[in-house]
Amino acid sequence: MREHEEDWTKQLDTVILEIVGMNEIFIEPQFLQLLCKLEGIKIQEMTFELYRKTVFECISLLQELKRGIRL
């Protein structure tokens, strides 16, 4: 979304809200790490390359969570 200059922050807020809710149900340390990364890309100005790298790191964390708790 960001590369197409769309409003990606609203979508990011929705994702963060869902992850906060999941963290209440499934107490996993990866949720905190994931939330930190997502909040970080929201509040920090960064290059597109670093933004993209962080998004892929978040995807990897989600895949790890999915394997562990069967989302």
Protein backbone atom coordinates (compact mmCIF):
# COMPACT_ATOMS: atom_id res chain seq x y z
CA MET A 1 0.00 0.00 0.00
CA ARG A 2 2.75 2.41 0.89
CA GLU A 3 4.48 2.03 -2.47
CA HIS A 4 1.22 3.05 -4.16
CA GLU A 5 0.90 6.06 -1.84
CA GLU A 6 -2.32 4.71 -0.31
CA ASP A 7 -3.36 5.35 3.29
CA TRP A 8 -1.54 2.41 4.83
CA THR A 9 -1.66 3.76 8.39
CA LYS A 10 -5.39 3.04 8.79
CA GLN A 11 -4.83 -0.56 7.72
CA LEU A 12 -1.87 -0.78 10.07
CA ASP A 13 -4.00 0.48 12.97
CA THR A 14 -6.54 -2.26 12.26
CA VAL A 15 -3.83 -4.93 12.23
CA ILE A 16 -2.36 -3.62 15.49
CA LEU A 17 -5.79 -3.69 17.13
CA GLU A 18 -6.30 -7.31 16.10
CA ILE A 19 -2.87 -8.34 17.37
CA VAL A 20 -3.49 -6.63 20.72
CA GLY A 21 -6.69 -8.66 21.02
CA MET A 22 -4.94 -11.91 20.10
CA ASN A 23 -2.28 -11.18 22.68
CA GLU A 24 -5.01 -11.15 25.35
CA ILE A 25 -6.09 -14.63 24.28
CA PHE A 26 -2.76 -16.21 23.34
CA ILE A 27 0.01 -15.01 25.64
CA GLU A 28 3.02 -15.32 23.33
CA PRO A 29 6.22 -13.22 23.42
CA GLN A 30 6.17 -12.97 19.62
CA PHE A 31 3.04 -10.81 19.83
CA LEU A 32 4.92 -8.18 21.79
CA GLN A 33 7.80 -8.26 19.32
CA LEU A 34 5.35 -8.00 16.44
CA LEU A 35 3.52 -5.07 18.03
CA CYS A 36 6.79 -3.26 18.64
CA LYS A 37 7.80 -3.58 15.00
CA LEU A 38 4.40 -2.46 13.72
CA GLU A 39 4.23 0.53 16.06
CA GLY A 40 7.79 1.39 15.07
CA ILE A 41 7.04 1.64 11.37
CA LYS A 42 4.04 3.78 12.18
CA ILE A 43 5.87 6.38 14.26
CA GLN A 44 9.32 6.47 12.66
CA GLU A 45 10.24 7.97 9.33
CA MET A 46 12.27 5.34 7.52
CA THR A 47 13.44 4.49 4.06
CA PHE A 48 11.19 2.33 1.96
CA GLU A 49 13.80 -0.44 2.05
CA LEU A 50 13.82 -0.54 5.87
CA TYR A 51 10.01 -0.34 5.93
CA ARG A 52 9.78 -3.29 3.54
CA LYS A 53 12.35 -5.32 5.50
CA THR A 54 10.41 -4.72 8.71
CA VAL A 55 7.14 -5.78 7.07
CA PHE A 56 8.76 -9.04 5.95
CA GLU A 57 10.10 -9.59 9.48
CA CYS A 58 6.52 -9.16 10.75
CA ILE A 59 5.27 -11.70 8.24
CA SER A 60 7.91 -14.16 9.45
CA LEU A 61 6.82 -13.62 13.06
CA LEU A 62 3.20 -14.24 12.08
CA GLN A 63 4.16 -17.45 10.31
CA GLU A 64 6.03 -18.57 13.44
CA LEU A 65 2.99 -17.78 15.57
CA LYS A 66 0.71 -19.61 13.18
CA ARG A 67 2.84 -22.76 13.42
CA GLY A 68 2.90 -22.53 17.21
CA ILE A 69 -0.72 -21.77 18.07
CA ARG A 70 -2.67 -22.75 14.95
CA LEU A 71 -4.37 -19.40 14.24
